[in-house]
Amino acid sequence: MAFRMPIFVVIMKDPLQHLSDLKLGEKAIIDSFTDSVMALKLLEMGCTPGELVQLDRIAPMGDPIAITVSGYLLSLRKEEASTILVSPVK
């Protein structure tokens, strides 16, 4: 009787990144927040975990940015966007 090694399959999830790191036109799914105080404000504006977001506009100097979330265009400072962790959509 031969000994068989068990085979383990590891499913790698794309690493999370900050919303502020997205490129123009990229889409992502909101995963979590790094700042609990800012999270409450963002949740009230429709930035809820599991929500699809898209980076639509970037100001000429790079700040603020505009994202589409929950069916509307939302303007955020880069500092605020950096508190949102997202999973990129391919």
PDB file of N, CA and C in Angstrom:
ATOM      1  N   MET A   1       0.855  -1.173   0.000  1.00  0.00           N
ATOM      2  CA  MET A   1       0.000   0.000   0.000  1.00  0.00           C
ATOM      3  C   MET A   1       0.900   1.236   0.000  1.00  0.00           C
ATOM      4  N   ALA A   2       0.706   2.091  -0.985  1.00  0.00           N
ATOM      5  CA  ALA A   2       1.533   3.290  -1.134  1.00  0.00           C
ATOM      6  C   ALA A   2       0.952   4.434  -0.307  1.00  0.00           C
ATOM      7  N   PHE A   3       1.847   5.199   0.267  1.00  0.00           N
ATOM      8  CA  PHE A   3       1.432   6.373   1.037  1.00  0.00           C
ATOM      9  C   PHE A   3       1.230   7.538   0.078  1.00  0.00           C
ATOM     10  N   ARG A   4       0.117   8.190   0.153  1.00  0.00           N
ATOM     11  CA  ARG A   4      -0.165   9.337  -0.717  1.00  0.00           C
ATOM     12  C   ARG A   4      -0.144  10.621   0.092  1.00  0.00           C
ATOM     13  N   MET A   5       0.579  11.598  -0.429  1.00  0.00           N
ATOM     14  CA  MET A   5       0.629  12.914   0.214  1.00  0.00           C
ATOM     15  C   MET A   5      -0.653  13.666  -0.104  1.00  0.00           C
ATOM     16  N   PRO A   6      -1.250  14.293   0.887  1.00  0.00           N
ATOM     17  CA  PRO A   6      -2.432  15.117   0.595  1.00  0.00           C
ATOM     18  C   PRO A   6      -2.025  16.336  -0.235  1.00  0.00           C
ATOM     19  N   ILE A   7      -2.899  16.742  -1.130  1.00  0.00           N
ATOM     20  CA  ILE A   7      -2.649  17.909  -1.963  1.00  0.00           C
ATOM     21  C   ILE A   7      -3.474  19.061  -1.428  1.00  0.00           C
ATOM     22  N   PHE A   8      -2.804  20.179  -1.183  1.00  0.00           N
ATOM     23  CA  PHE A   8      -3.484  21.363  -0.692  1.00  0.00           C
ATOM     24  C   PHE A   8      -3.483  22.409  -1.792  1.00  0.00           C
ATOM     25  N   VAL A   9      -4.615  22.985  -2.024  1.00  0.00           N
ATOM     26  CA  VAL A   9      -4.726  24.047  -3.014  1.00  0.00           C
ATOM     27  C   VAL A   9      -4.933  25.353  -2.264  1.00  0.00           C
ATOM     28  N   VAL A  10      -4.079  26.309  -2.550  1.00  0.00           N
ATOM     29  CA  VAL A  10      -4.186  27.614  -1.918  1.00  0.00           C
ATOM     30  C   VAL A  10      -4.705  28.593  -2.959  1.00  0.00           C
ATOM     31  N   ILE A  11      -5.797  29.225  -2.663  1.00  0.00           N
ATOM     32  CA  ILE A  11      -6.361  30.219  -3.568  1.00  0.00           C
ATOM     33  C   ILE A  11      -5.853  31.579  -3.128  1.00  0.00           C
ATOM     34  N   MET A  12      -5.083  32.196  -3.998  1.00  0.00           N
ATOM     35  CA  MET A  12      -4.507  33.497  -3.676  1.00  0.00           C
ATOM     36  C   MET A  12      -5.490  34.605  -4.045  1.00  0.00           C
ATOM     37  N   LYS A  13      -5.756  35.454  -3.110  1.00  0.00           N
ATOM     38  CA  LYS A  13      -6.610  36.610  -3.330  1.00  0.00           C
ATOM     39  C   LYS A  13      -5.714  37.782  -3.708  1.00  0.00           C
ATOM     40  N   ASP A  14      -6.174  38.614  -4.641  1.00  0.00           N
ATOM     41  CA  ASP A  14      -5.390  39.793  -4.997  1.00  0.00           C
ATOM     42  C   ASP A  14      -5.125  40.611  -3.744  1.00  0.00           C
ATOM     43  N   PRO A  15      -3.921  41.137  -3.623  1.00  0.00           N
ATOM     44  CA  PRO A  15      -3.623  41.952  -2.439  1.00  0.00           C
ATOM     45  C   PRO A  15      -4.466  43.222  -2.430  1.00  0.00           C
ATOM     46  N   LEU A  16      -4.801  43.652  -1.250  1.00  0.00           N
ATOM     47  CA  LEU A  16      -5.587  44.875  -1.117  1.00  0.00           C
ATOM     48  C   LEU A  16      -4.699  46.081  -1.392  1.00  0.00           C
ATOM     49  N   GLN A  17      -5.321  47.119  -1.896  1.00  0.00           N
ATOM     50  CA  GLN A  17      -4.598  48.372  -2.100  1.00  0.00           C
ATOM     51  C   GLN A  17      -5.492  49.515  -1.673  1.00  0.00           C
ATOM     52  N   HIS A  18      -4.914  50.685  -1.544  1.00  0.00           N
ATOM     53  CA  HIS A  18      -5.674  51.861  -1.151  1.00  0.00           C
ATOM     54  C   HIS A  18      -6.419  52.409  -2.365  1.00  0.00           C
ATOM     55  N   LEU A  19      -7.599  52.925  -2.139  1.00  0.00           N
ATOM     56  CA  LEU A  19      -8.385  53.519  -3.217  1.00  0.00           C
ATOM     57  C   LEU A  19      -7.605  54.627  -3.907  1.00  0.00           C
ATOM     58  N   SER A  20      -6.804  55.343  -3.165  1.00  0.00           N
ATOM     59  CA  SER A  20      -6.020  56.451  -3.726  1.00  0.00           C
ATOM     60  C   SER A  20      -4.952  55.965  -4.711  1.00  0.00           C
ATOM     61  N   ASP A  21      -4.646  54.660  -4.732  1.00  0.00           N
ATOM     62  CA  ASP A  21      -3.630  54.104  -5.626  1.00  0.00           C
ATOM     63  C   ASP A  21      -4.186  53.621  -6.963  1.00  0.00           C
ATOM     64  N   LEU A  22      -5.516  53.675  -7.135  1.00  0.00           N
ATOM     65  CA  LEU A  22      -6.106  53.241  -8.400  1.00  0.00           C
ATOM     66  C   LEU A  22      -5.705  54.189  -9.523  1.00  0.00           C
ATOM     67  N   LYS A  23      -5.656  53.649 -10.727  1.00  0.00           N
ATOM     68  CA  LYS A  23      -5.390  54.448 -11.919  1.00  0.00           C
ATOM     69  C   LYS A  23      -6.729  54.886 -12.515  1.00  0.00           C
ATOM     70  N   LEU A  24      -6.698  55.922 -13.325  1.00  0.00           N
ATOM     71  CA  LEU A  24      -7.900  56.467 -13.951  1.00  0.00           C
ATOM     72  C   LEU A  24      -8.648  55.372 -14.716  1.00  0.00           C
ATOM     73  N   GLY A  25      -9.931  55.222 -14.437  1.00  0.00           N
ATOM     74  CA  GLY A  25     -10.767  54.230 -15.107  1.00  0.00           C
ATOM     75  C   GLY A  25     -10.800  52.868 -14.446  1.00  0.00           C
ATOM     76  N   GLU A  26      -9.915  52.592 -13.481  1.00  0.00           N
ATOM     77  CA  GLU A  26      -9.891  51.288 -12.818  1.00  0.00           C
ATOM     78  C   GLU A  26     -11.084  51.125 -11.884  1.00  0.00           C
ATOM     79  N   LYS A  27     -11.529  49.868 -11.770  1.00  0.00           N
ATOM     80  CA  LYS A  27     -12.628  49.522 -10.866  1.00  0.00           C
ATOM     81  C   LYS A  27     -12.103  48.646  -9.748  1.00  0.00           C
ATOM     82  N   ALA A  28     -12.785  48.712  -8.605  1.00  0.00           N
ATOM     83  CA  ALA A  28     -12.391  47.910  -7.444  1.00  0.00           C
ATOM     84  C   ALA A  28     -13.605  47.697  -6.547  1.00  0.00           C
ATOM     85  N   ILE A  29     -13.484  46.752  -5.646  1.00  0.00           N
ATOM     86  CA  ILE A  29     -14.520  46.460  -4.653  1.00  0.00           C
ATOM     87  C   ILE A  29     -14.004  46.930  -3.296  1.00  0.00           C
ATOM     88  N   ILE A  30     -14.820  47.700  -2.588  1.00  0.00           N
ATOM     89  CA  ILE A  30     -14.427  48.169  -1.254  1.00  0.00           C
ATOM     90  C   ILE A  30     -14.355  46.979  -0.306  1.00  0.00           C
ATOM     91  N   ASP A  31     -13.239  46.860   0.408  1.00  0.00           N
ATOM     92  CA  ASP A  31     -13.037  45.758   1.339  1.00  0.00           C
ATOM     93  C   ASP A  31     -13.187  46.216   2.791  1.00  0.00           C
ATOM     94  N   SER A  32     -12.420  47.240   3.176  1.00  0.00           N
ATOM     95  CA  SER A  32     -12.430  47.686   4.572  1.00  0.00           C
ATOM     96  C   SER A  32     -11.848  49.088   4.671  1.00  0.00           C
ATOM     97  N   PHE A  33     -11.746  49.576   5.910  1.00  0.00           N
ATOM     98  CA  PHE A  33     -11.251  50.919   6.171  1.00  0.00           C
ATOM     99  C   PHE A  33     -10.103  50.857   7.172  1.00  0.00           C
ATOM    100  N   THR A  34      -9.202  51.812   7.094  1.00  0.00           N
ATOM    101  CA  THR A  34      -8.077  51.849   8.037  1.00  0.00           C
ATOM    102  C   THR A  34      -8.277  52.864   9.157  1.00  0.00           C
ATOM    103  N   ASP A  35      -9.280  53.721   9.030  1.00  0.00           N
ATOM    104  CA  ASP A  35      -9.536  54.770  10.021  1.00  0.00           C
ATOM    105  C   ASP A  35     -11.004  54.694  10.417  1.00  0.00           C
ATOM    106  N   SER A  36     -11.279  54.367  11.671  1.00  0.00           N
ATOM    107  CA  SER A  36     -12.664  54.159  12.111  1.00  0.00           C
ATOM    108  C   SER A  36     -13.489  55.447  12.108  1.00  0.00           C
ATOM    109  N   VAL A  37     -12.876  56.572  12.383  1.00  0.00           N
ATOM    110  CA  VAL A  37     -13.613  57.841  12.382  1.00  0.00           C
ATOM    111  C   VAL A  37     -14.006  58.208  10.945  1.00  0.00           C
ATOM    112  N   MET A  38     -13.057  58.095  10.027  1.00  0.00           N
ATOM    113  CA  MET A  38     -13.330  58.389   8.630  1.00  0.00           C
ATOM    114  C   MET A  38     -14.287  57.359   8.040  1.00  0.00           C
ATOM    115  N   ALA A  39     -14.222  56.115   8.528  1.00  0.00           N
ATOM    116  CA  ALA A  39     -15.092  55.048   8.023  1.00  0.00           C
ATOM    117  C   ALA A  39     -16.556  55.407   8.198  1.00  0.00           C
ATOM    118  N   LEU A  40     -16.926  55.967   9.328  1.00  0.00           N
ATOM    119  CA  LEU A  40     -18.312  56.342   9.569  1.00  0.00           C
ATOM    120  C   LEU A  40     -18.783  57.366   8.543  1.00  0.00           C
ATOM    121  N   LYS A  41     -17.964  58.358   8.292  1.00  0.00           N
ATOM    122  CA  LYS A  41     -18.287  59.385   7.295  1.00  0.00           C
ATOM    123  C   LYS A  41     -18.440  58.763   5.901  1.00  0.00           C
ATOM    124  N   LEU A  42     -17.513  57.889   5.546  1.00  0.00           N
ATOM    125  CA  LEU A  42     -17.544  57.258   4.228  1.00  0.00           C
ATOM    126  C   LEU A  42     -18.730  56.306   4.074  1.00  0.00           C
ATOM    127  N   LEU A  43     -19.063  55.584   5.148  1.00  0.00           N
ATOM    128  CA  LEU A  43     -20.228  54.698   5.110  1.00  0.00           C
ATOM    129  C   LEU A  43     -21.508  55.485   4.848  1.00  0.00           C
ATOM    130  N   GLU A  44     -21.626  56.659   5.472  1.00  0.00           N
ATOM    131  CA  GLU A  44     -22.804  57.507   5.271  1.00  0.00           C
ATOM    132  C   GLU A  44     -22.900  58.024   3.844  1.00  0.00           C
ATOM    133  N   MET A  45     -21.753  58.088   3.139  1.00  0.00           N
ATOM    134  CA  MET A  45     -21.735  58.565   1.752  1.00  0.00           C
ATOM    135  C   MET A  45     -21.873  57.423   0.747  1.00  0.00           C
ATOM    136  N   GLY A  46     -22.120  56.205   1.218  1.00  0.00           N
ATOM    137  CA  GLY A  46     -22.352  55.085   0.315  1.00  0.00           C
ATOM    138  C   GLY A  46     -21.151  54.206   0.054  1.00  0.00           C
ATOM    139  N   CYS A  47     -20.032  54.478   0.692  1.00  0.00           N
ATOM    140  CA  CYS A  47     -18.830  53.662   0.525  1.00  0.00           C
ATOM    141  C   CYS A  47     -18.890  52.485   1.497  1.00  0.00           C
ATOM    142  N   THR A  48     -19.654  51.468   1.131  1.00  0.00           N
ATOM    143  CA  THR A  48     -19.831  50.321   2.008  1.00  0.00           C
ATOM    144  C   THR A  48     -19.032  49.132   1.486  1.00  0.00           C
ATOM    145  N   PRO A  49     -18.552  48.271   2.390  1.00  0.00           N
ATOM    146  CA  PRO A  49     -17.817  47.084   1.941  1.00  0.00           C
ATOM    147  C   PRO A  49     -18.663  46.260   0.961  1.00  0.00           C
ATOM    148  N   GLY A  50     -18.005  45.819  -0.107  1.00  0.00           N
ATOM    149  CA  GLY A  50     -18.689  45.056  -1.150  1.00  0.00           C
ATOM    150  C   GLY A  50     -19.180  45.916  -2.305  1.00  0.00           C
ATOM    151  N   GLU A  51     -19.126  47.229  -2.143  1.00  0.00           N
ATOM    152  CA  GLU A  51     -19.598  48.166  -3.176  1.00  0.00           C
ATOM    153  C   GLU A  51     -18.532  48.341  -4.265  1.00  0.00           C
ATOM    154  N   LEU A  52     -18.975  48.354  -5.512  1.00  0.00           N
ATOM    155  CA  LEU A  52     -18.080  48.584  -6.643  1.00  0.00           C
ATOM    156  C   LEU A  52     -17.809  50.074  -6.779  1.00  0.00           C
ATOM    157  N   VAL A  53     -16.534  50.439  -6.956  1.00  0.00           N
ATOM    158  CA  VAL A  53     -16.148  51.838  -7.160  1.00  0.00           C
ATOM    159  C   VAL A  53     -15.297  51.932  -8.423  1.00  0.00           C
ATOM    160  N   GLN A  54     -15.333  53.099  -9.050  1.00  0.00           N
ATOM    161  CA  GLN A  54     -14.501  53.344 -10.220  1.00  0.00           C
ATOM    162  C   GLN A  54     -13.889  54.728 -10.101  1.00  0.00           C
ATOM    163  N   LEU A  55     -12.603  54.833 -10.376  1.00  0.00           N
ATOM    164  CA  LEU A  55     -11.933  56.128 -10.362  1.00  0.00           C
ATOM    165  C   LEU A  55     -12.219  56.818 -11.692  1.00  0.00           C
ATOM    166  N   ASP A  56     -12.965  57.914 -11.650  1.00  0.00           N
ATOM    167  CA  ASP A  56     -13.414  58.591 -12.862  1.00  0.00           C
ATOM    168  C   ASP A  56     -12.615  59.832 -13.217  1.00  0.00           C
ATOM    169  N   ARG A  57     -12.205  60.592 -12.224  1.00  0.00           N
ATOM    170  CA  ARG A  57     -11.516  61.852 -12.499  1.00  0.00           C
ATOM    171  C   ARG A  57     -10.432  62.109 -11.464  1.00  0.00           C
ATOM    172  N   ILE A  58      -9.378  62.778 -11.939  1.00  0.00           N
ATOM    173  CA  ILE A  58      -8.299  63.203 -11.053  1.00  0.00           C
ATOM    174  C   ILE A  58      -8.044  64.672 -11.351  1.00  0.00           C
ATOM    175  N   ALA A  59      -8.018  65.506 -10.319  1.00  0.00           N
ATOM    176  CA  ALA A  59      -7.766  66.936 -10.495  1.00  0.00           C
ATOM    177  C   ALA A  59      -6.361  67.140 -11.081  1.00  0.00           C
ATOM    178  N   PRO A  60      -6.144  68.252 -11.779  1.00  0.00           N
ATOM    179  CA  PRO A  60      -4.843  68.499 -12.411  1.00  0.00           C
ATOM    180  C   PRO A  60      -3.638  68.368 -11.471  1.00  0.00           C
ATOM    181  N   MET A  61      -3.795  68.752 -10.234  1.00  0.00           N
ATOM    182  CA  MET A  61      -2.681  68.640  -9.277  1.00  0.00           C
ATOM    183  C   MET A  61      -2.717  67.305  -8.523  1.00  0.00           C
ATOM    184  N   GLY A  62      -3.644  66.412  -8.887  1.00  0.00           N
ATOM    185  CA  GLY A  62      -3.718  65.085  -8.273  1.00  0.00           C
ATOM    186  C   GLY A  62      -4.647  64.969  -7.087  1.00  0.00           C
ATOM    187  N   ASP A  63      -5.194  66.062  -6.613  1.00  0.00           N
ATOM    188  CA  ASP A  63      -6.069  66.037  -5.435  1.00  0.00           C
ATOM    189  C   ASP A  63      -7.111  67.128  -5.581  1.00  0.00           C
ATOM    190  N   PRO A  64      -8.393  66.853  -5.491  1.00  0.00           N
ATOM    191  CA  PRO A  64      -9.067  65.617  -5.105  1.00  0.00           C
ATOM    192  C   PRO A  64      -9.252  64.662  -6.291  1.00  0.00           C
ATOM    193  N   ILE A  65      -9.893  63.517  -5.984  1.00  0.00           N
ATOM    194  CA  ILE A  65     -10.262  62.559  -7.014  1.00  0.00           C
ATOM    195  C   ILE A  65     -11.777  62.407  -6.990  1.00  0.00           C
ATOM    196  N   ALA A  66     -12.345  61.918  -8.104  1.00  0.00           N
ATOM    197  CA  ALA A  66     -13.789  61.667  -8.166  1.00  0.00           C
ATOM    198  C   ALA A  66     -13.994  60.195  -8.490  1.00  0.00           C
ATOM    199  N   ILE A  67     -14.839  59.543  -7.688  1.00  0.00           N
ATOM    200  CA  ILE A  67     -15.152  58.131  -7.902  1.00  0.00           C
ATOM    201  C   ILE A  67     -16.651  57.976  -8.101  1.00  0.00           C
ATOM    202  N   THR A  68     -17.018  56.939  -8.843  1.00  0.00           N
ATOM    203  CA  THR A  68     -18.417  56.565  -8.938  1.00  0.00           C
ATOM    204  C   THR A  68     -18.650  55.467  -7.909  1.00  0.00           C
ATOM    205  N   VAL A  69     -19.609  55.689  -7.028  1.00  0.00           N
ATOM    206  CA  VAL A  69     -19.955  54.713  -5.989  1.00  0.00           C
ATOM    207  C   VAL A  69     -21.440  54.846  -5.697  1.00  0.00           C
ATOM    208  N   SER A  70     -22.114  53.738  -5.526  1.00  0.00           N
ATOM    209  CA  SER A  70     -23.556  53.722  -5.210  1.00  0.00           C
ATOM    210  C   SER A  70     -24.381  54.544  -6.200  1.00  0.00           C
ATOM    211  N   GLY A  71     -23.947  54.601  -7.452  1.00  0.00           N
ATOM    212  CA  GLY A  71     -24.729  55.279  -8.481  1.00  0.00           C
ATOM    213  C   GLY A  71     -24.529  56.780  -8.588  1.00  0.00           C
ATOM    214  N   TYR A  72     -23.570  57.341  -7.890  1.00  0.00           N
ATOM    215  CA  TYR A  72     -23.330  58.783  -8.022  1.00  0.00           C
ATOM    216  C   TYR A  72     -21.836  59.082  -7.986  1.00  0.00           C
ATOM    217  N   LEU A  73     -21.475  60.297  -8.391  1.00  0.00           N
ATOM    218  CA  LEU A  73     -20.082  60.737  -8.425  1.00  0.00           C
ATOM    219  C   LEU A  73     -19.736  61.381  -7.087  1.00  0.00           C
ATOM    220  N   LEU A  74     -18.683  60.893  -6.451  1.00  0.00           N
ATOM    221  CA  LEU A  74     -18.267  61.371  -5.133  1.00  0.00           C
ATOM    222  C   LEU A  74     -16.841  61.898  -5.225  1.00  0.00           C
ATOM    223  N   SER A  75     -16.623  63.093  -4.725  1.00  0.00           N
ATOM    224  CA  SER A  75     -15.289  63.690  -4.702  1.00  0.00           C
ATOM    225  C   SER A  75     -14.662  63.458  -3.331  1.00  0.00           C
ATOM    226  N   LEU A  76     -13.421  62.961  -3.337  1.00  0.00           N
ATOM    227  CA  LEU A  76     -12.695  62.690  -2.098  1.00  0.00           C
ATOM    228  C   LEU A  76     -11.288  63.264  -2.171  1.00  0.00           C
ATOM    229  N   ARG A  77     -10.784  63.710  -1.039  1.00  0.00           N
ATOM    230  CA  ARG A  77      -9.374  64.070  -0.967  1.00  0.00           C
ATOM    231  C   ARG A  77      -8.560  62.776  -0.994  1.00  0.00           C
ATOM    232  N   LYS A  78      -7.328  62.861  -1.469  1.00  0.00           N
ATOM    233  CA  LYS A  78      -6.463  61.675  -1.519  1.00  0.00           C
ATOM    234  C   LYS A  78      -6.275  61.087  -0.119  1.00  0.00           C
ATOM    235  N   GLU A  79      -6.187  61.966   0.884  1.00  0.00           N
ATOM    236  CA  GLU A  79      -6.026  61.509   2.263  1.00  0.00           C
ATOM    237  C   GLU A  79      -7.216  60.658   2.700  1.00  0.00           C
ATOM    238  N   GLU A  80      -8.425  61.062   2.321  1.00  0.00           N
ATOM    239  CA  GLU A  80      -9.626  60.283   2.651  1.00  0.00           C
ATOM    240  C   GLU A  80      -9.637  58.974   1.880  1.00  0.00           C
ATOM    241  N   ALA A  81      -9.303  59.040   0.598  1.00  0.00           N
ATOM    242  CA  ALA A  81      -9.296  57.831  -0.243  1.00  0.00           C
ATOM    243  C   ALA A  81      -8.267  56.812   0.226  1.00  0.00           C
ATOM    244  N   SER A  82      -7.201  57.272   0.833  1.00  0.00           N
ATOM    245  CA  SER A  82      -6.158  56.362   1.292  1.00  0.00           C
ATOM    246  C   SER A  82      -6.594  55.539   2.511  1.00  0.00           C
ATOM    247  N   THR A  83      -7.719  55.882   3.131  1.00  0.00           N
ATOM    248  CA  THR A  83      -8.221  55.110   4.268  1.00  0.00           C
ATOM    249  C   THR A  83      -9.143  53.981   3.828  1.00  0.00           C
ATOM    250  N   ILE A  84      -9.415  53.890   2.525  1.00  0.00           N
ATOM    251  CA  ILE A  84     -10.290  52.840   1.981  1.00  0.00           C
ATOM    252  C   ILE A  84      -9.436  51.770   1.323  1.00  0.00           C
ATOM    253  N   LEU A  85      -9.547  50.528   1.808  1.00  0.00           N
ATOM    254  CA  LEU A  85      -8.842  49.410   1.200  1.00  0.00           C
ATOM    255  C   LEU A  85      -9.766  48.736   0.193  1.00  0.00           C
ATOM    256  N   VAL A  86      -9.250  48.507  -1.009  1.00  0.00           N
ATOM    257  CA  VAL A  86     -10.053  47.929  -2.083  1.00  0.00           C
ATOM    258  C   VAL A  86      -9.352  46.725  -2.693  1.00  0.00           C
ATOM    259  N   SER A  87     -10.152  45.904  -3.330  1.00  0.00           N
ATOM    260  CA  SER A  87      -9.653  44.763  -4.083  1.00  0.00           C
ATOM    261  C   SER A  87      -9.905  45.049  -5.563  1.00  0.00           C
ATOM    262  N   PRO A  88      -8.853  45.174  -6.359  1.00  0.00           N
ATOM    263  CA  PRO A  88      -9.021  45.529  -7.774  1.00  0.00           C
ATOM    264  C   PRO A  88      -9.862  44.500  -8.536  1.00  0.00           C
ATOM    265  N   VAL A  89     -10.625  44.980  -9.499  1.00  0.00           N
ATOM    266  CA  VAL A  89     -11.435  44.135 -10.374  1.00  0.00           C
ATOM    267  C   VAL A  89     -10.709  44.041 -11.704  1.00  0.00           C
ATOM    268  N   LYS A  90     -10.517  42.850 -12.175  1.00  0.00           N
ATOM    269  CA  LYS A  90      -9.797  42.653 -13.449  1.00  0.00           C
ATOM    270  C   LYS A  90     -10.778  42.615 -14.600  1.00  0.00           C
TER     271      LYS A  90
END
